[in-house]
Amino acid sequence: MGTIELEQMEFFSYHGCYEQEQVVGNYFLVDLKFNTDSNAAIKSDDINDTVSYLTIYELIKDEMKKKSKLLEHVAGRIIDRLYTEFPEKISDVTIKIRKMNPPLGGKLNNVSVTLTQ
């Protein structure tokens, strides 16, 4: 097994429980980690024998465009979609979504949610 990680993907999205968050938006950082069988790709040097980073990125980008109140909901949707689109190729998915400068009334770099399935 091999591990693939896409780290600190930055998106501007409209997630949050407060109405203003869904109007003004915010920056989010997303980290994704998953396992995959890398044996065929090691031997072939062919992208068809692995999971394309671009395809994964585009999937996450698509899900980040959809407004949600909770980061847990966004992370769960991304995990569900990954397993739907790559049922035989991935396992042990961990995703972390960070909301940068959350509107909590004080100085705070970020809040985050991490889900593993």
C-alpha atoms as a PDB file:
ATOM      1  CA  MET A   1       0.000   0.000   0.000  1.00  0.00           C
ATOM      2  CA  GLY A   2       1.017   3.567  -0.632  1.00  0.00           C
ATOM      3  CA  THR A   3      -0.222   6.782   0.919  1.00  0.00           C
ATOM      4  CA  ILE A   4      -1.218   9.800  -1.151  1.00  0.00           C
ATOM      5  CA  GLU A   5      -1.612  13.189   0.492  1.00  0.00           C
ATOM      6  CA  LEU A   6      -2.861  16.483  -0.897  1.00  0.00           C
ATOM      7  CA  GLU A   7      -1.987  19.167   1.604  1.00  0.00           C
ATOM      8  CA  GLN A   8      -3.180  22.709   2.209  1.00  0.00           C
ATOM      9  CA  MET A   9      -5.460  23.008  -0.792  1.00  0.00           C
ATOM     10  CA  GLU A  10      -6.898  26.520  -0.515  1.00  0.00           C
ATOM     11  CA  PHE A  11     -10.486  27.360  -1.405  1.00  0.00           C
ATOM     12  CA  PHE A  12     -12.733  30.378  -0.971  1.00  0.00           C
ATOM     13  CA  SER A  13     -16.130  29.046   0.062  1.00  0.00           C
ATOM     14  CA  TYR A  14     -19.357  29.942   1.833  1.00  0.00           C
ATOM     15  CA  HIS A  15     -19.588  27.530   4.777  1.00  0.00           C
ATOM     16  CA  GLY A  16     -20.843  28.524   8.194  1.00  0.00           C
ATOM     17  CA  CYS A  17     -23.806  28.636  10.533  1.00  0.00           C
ATOM     18  CA  TYR A  18     -24.057  32.407  10.492  1.00  0.00           C
ATOM     19  CA  GLU A  19     -25.921  34.033   7.616  1.00  0.00           C
ATOM     20  CA  GLN A  20     -23.061  36.459   7.009  1.00  0.00           C
ATOM     21  CA  GLU A  21     -20.599  33.570   6.509  1.00  0.00           C
ATOM     22  CA  GLN A  22     -22.758  32.247   3.694  1.00  0.00           C
ATOM     23  CA  VAL A  23     -22.821  35.702   2.064  1.00  0.00           C
ATOM     24  CA  VAL A  24     -19.287  37.019   2.631  1.00  0.00           C
ATOM     25  CA  GLY A  25     -17.412  33.696   2.491  1.00  0.00           C
ATOM     26  CA  ASN A  26     -14.037  32.727   3.899  1.00  0.00           C
ATOM     27  CA  TYR A  27     -10.824  30.912   3.078  1.00  0.00           C
ATOM     28  CA  PHE A  28     -10.502  27.222   3.858  1.00  0.00           C
ATOM     29  CA  LEU A  29      -7.535  24.853   3.800  1.00  0.00           C
ATOM     30  CA  VAL A  30      -8.113  21.171   3.082  1.00  0.00           C
ATOM     31  CA  ASP A  31      -5.732  18.278   3.725  1.00  0.00           C
ATOM     32  CA  LEU A  32      -6.520  14.829   2.377  1.00  0.00           C
ATOM     33  CA  LYS A  33      -4.735  11.553   3.041  1.00  0.00           C
ATOM     34  CA  PHE A  34      -5.659   8.090   1.792  1.00  0.00           C
ATOM     35  CA  ASN A  35      -4.128   4.708   1.108  1.00  0.00           C
ATOM     36  CA  THR A  36      -4.031   3.048  -2.276  1.00  0.00           C
ATOM     37  CA  ASP A  37      -2.433  -0.023  -3.808  1.00  0.00           C
ATOM     38  CA  SER A  38       0.595   1.443  -5.583  1.00  0.00           C
ATOM     39  CA  ASN A  39       2.135  -1.785  -6.917  1.00  0.00           C
ATOM     40  CA  ALA A  40       0.864  -1.461 -10.487  1.00  0.00           C
ATOM     41  CA  ALA A  41       1.862   2.230 -10.728  1.00  0.00           C
ATOM     42  CA  ILE A  42       5.332   1.483  -9.369  1.00  0.00           C
ATOM     43  CA  LYS A  43       5.901  -1.009 -12.172  1.00  0.00           C
ATOM     44  CA  SER A  44       4.102   0.722 -15.044  1.00  0.00           C
ATOM     45  CA  ASP A  45       4.772   4.446 -14.513  1.00  0.00           C
ATOM     46  CA  ASP A  46       1.226   4.925 -15.900  1.00  0.00           C
ATOM     47  CA  ILE A  47      -1.282   7.325 -14.329  1.00  0.00           C
ATOM     48  CA  ASN A  48      -4.099   4.899 -15.156  1.00  0.00           C
ATOM     49  CA  ASP A  49      -2.660   2.560 -12.521  1.00  0.00           C
ATOM     50  CA  THR A  50      -3.097   5.041  -9.687  1.00  0.00           C
ATOM     51  CA  VAL A  51      -5.455   7.750  -8.478  1.00  0.00           C
ATOM     52  CA  SER A  52      -4.932  11.056 -10.291  1.00  0.00           C
ATOM     53  CA  TYR A  53      -4.156  13.976  -7.977  1.00  0.00           C
ATOM     54  CA  LEU A  54      -5.919  16.281 -10.425  1.00  0.00           C
ATOM     55  CA  THR A  55      -9.107  14.207 -10.330  1.00  0.00           C
ATOM     56  CA  ILE A  56      -9.060  14.213  -6.517  1.00  0.00           C
ATOM     57  CA  TYR A  57      -8.431  17.963  -6.404  1.00  0.00           C
ATOM     58  CA  GLU A  58     -11.292  18.672  -8.829  1.00  0.00           C
ATOM     59  CA  LEU A  59     -13.648  16.494  -6.766  1.00  0.00           C
ATOM     60  CA  ILE A  60     -12.780  18.397  -3.581  1.00  0.00           C
ATOM     61  CA  LYS A  61     -13.030  21.742  -5.377  1.00  0.00           C
ATOM     62  CA  ASP A  62     -16.514  20.788  -6.589  1.00  0.00           C
ATOM     63  CA  GLU A  63     -17.692  19.843  -3.085  1.00  0.00           C
ATOM     64  CA  MET A  64     -16.181  22.989  -1.538  1.00  0.00           C
ATOM     65  CA  LYS A  65     -18.338  25.096  -3.892  1.00  0.00           C
ATOM     66  CA  LYS A  66     -21.538  23.750  -2.283  1.00  0.00           C
ATOM     67  CA  LYS A  67     -22.663  25.852   0.694  1.00  0.00           C
ATOM     68  CA  SER A  68     -22.936  24.057   4.017  1.00  0.00           C
ATOM     69  CA  LYS A  69     -23.456  25.152   7.581  1.00  0.00           C
ATOM     70  CA  LEU A  70     -21.063  22.614   9.118  1.00  0.00           C
ATOM     71  CA  LEU A  71     -17.539  21.591   8.163  1.00  0.00           C
ATOM     72  CA  GLU A  72     -18.449  18.077   9.295  1.00  0.00           C
ATOM     73  CA  HIS A  73     -21.057  17.995   6.539  1.00  0.00           C
ATOM     74  CA  VAL A  74     -18.577  19.156   3.889  1.00  0.00           C
ATOM     75  CA  ALA A  75     -15.941  16.642   5.007  1.00  0.00           C
ATOM     76  CA  GLY A  76     -18.492  13.812   5.060  1.00  0.00           C
ATOM     77  CA  ARG A  77     -19.668  14.643   1.542  1.00  0.00           C
ATOM     78  CA  ILE A  78     -16.102  14.620   0.247  1.00  0.00           C
ATOM     79  CA  ILE A  79     -15.350  11.252   1.854  1.00  0.00           C
ATOM     80  CA  ASP A  80     -18.595   9.749   0.527  1.00  0.00           C
ATOM     81  CA  ARG A  81     -17.836  10.962  -2.981  1.00  0.00           C
ATOM     82  CA  LEU A  82     -14.270   9.641  -2.888  1.00  0.00           C
ATOM     83  CA  TYR A  83     -15.481   6.172  -1.917  1.00  0.00           C
ATOM     84  CA  THR A  84     -18.242   6.333  -4.552  1.00  0.00           C
ATOM     85  CA  GLU A  85     -15.895   7.349  -7.369  1.00  0.00           C
ATOM     86  CA  PHE A  86     -12.912   5.185  -6.350  1.00  0.00           C
ATOM     87  CA  PRO A  87     -14.414   2.182  -4.529  1.00  0.00           C
ATOM     88  CA  GLU A  88     -11.627  -0.243  -5.431  1.00  0.00           C
ATOM     89  CA  LYS A  89      -8.697   2.178  -5.344  1.00  0.00           C
ATOM     90  CA  ILE A  90      -8.762   3.981  -1.980  1.00  0.00           C
ATOM     91  CA  SER A  91      -9.007   3.164   1.721  1.00  0.00           C
ATOM     92  CA  ASP A  92      -8.405   4.792   5.086  1.00  0.00           C
ATOM     93  CA  VAL A  93      -9.390   8.313   4.051  1.00  0.00           C
ATOM     94  CA  THR A  94      -8.634  11.181   6.430  1.00  0.00           C
ATOM     95  CA  ILE A  95      -9.697  14.731   5.624  1.00  0.00           C
ATOM     96  CA  LYS A  96      -9.044  17.903   7.584  1.00  0.00           C
ATOM     97  CA  ILE A  97     -10.847  21.153   6.749  1.00  0.00           C
ATOM     98  CA  ARG A  98      -9.692  24.397   8.352  1.00  0.00           C
ATOM     99  CA  LYS A  99     -11.735  27.605   8.357  1.00  0.00           C
ATOM    100  CA  MET A 100      -9.290  30.492   8.399  1.00  0.00           C
ATOM    101  CA  ASN A 101      -9.966  33.505  10.644  1.00  0.00           C
ATOM    102  CA  PRO A 102     -13.351  32.260  11.894  1.00  0.00           C
ATOM    103  CA  PRO A 103     -15.769  34.955  13.117  1.00  0.00           C
ATOM    104  CA  LEU A 104     -15.641  34.127  16.815  1.00  0.00           C
ATOM    105  CA  GLY A 105     -15.124  37.620  18.205  1.00  0.00           C
ATOM    106  CA  GLY A 106     -11.411  37.243  18.944  1.00  0.00           C
ATOM    107  CA  LYS A 107      -8.062  36.564  17.338  1.00  0.00           C
ATOM    108  CA  LEU A 108      -7.967  32.964  16.132  1.00  0.00           C
ATOM    109  CA  ASN A 109      -5.986  31.590  13.199  1.00  0.00           C
ATOM    110  CA  ASN A 110      -8.379  28.766  12.323  1.00  0.00           C
ATOM    111  CA  VAL A 111     -10.789  26.100  13.461  1.00  0.00           C
ATOM    112  CA  SER A 112     -10.760  22.639  11.955  1.00  0.00           C
ATOM    113  CA  VAL A 113     -12.642  19.402  11.595  1.00  0.00           C
ATOM    114  CA  THR A 114     -10.922  16.082  10.888  1.00  0.00           C
ATOM    115  CA  LEU A 115     -12.833  12.978   9.794  1.00  0.00           C
ATOM    116  CA  THR A 116     -11.453   9.505   9.136  1.00  0.00           C
ATOM    117  CA  GLN A 117     -13.268   6.653   7.463  1.00  0.00           C
END
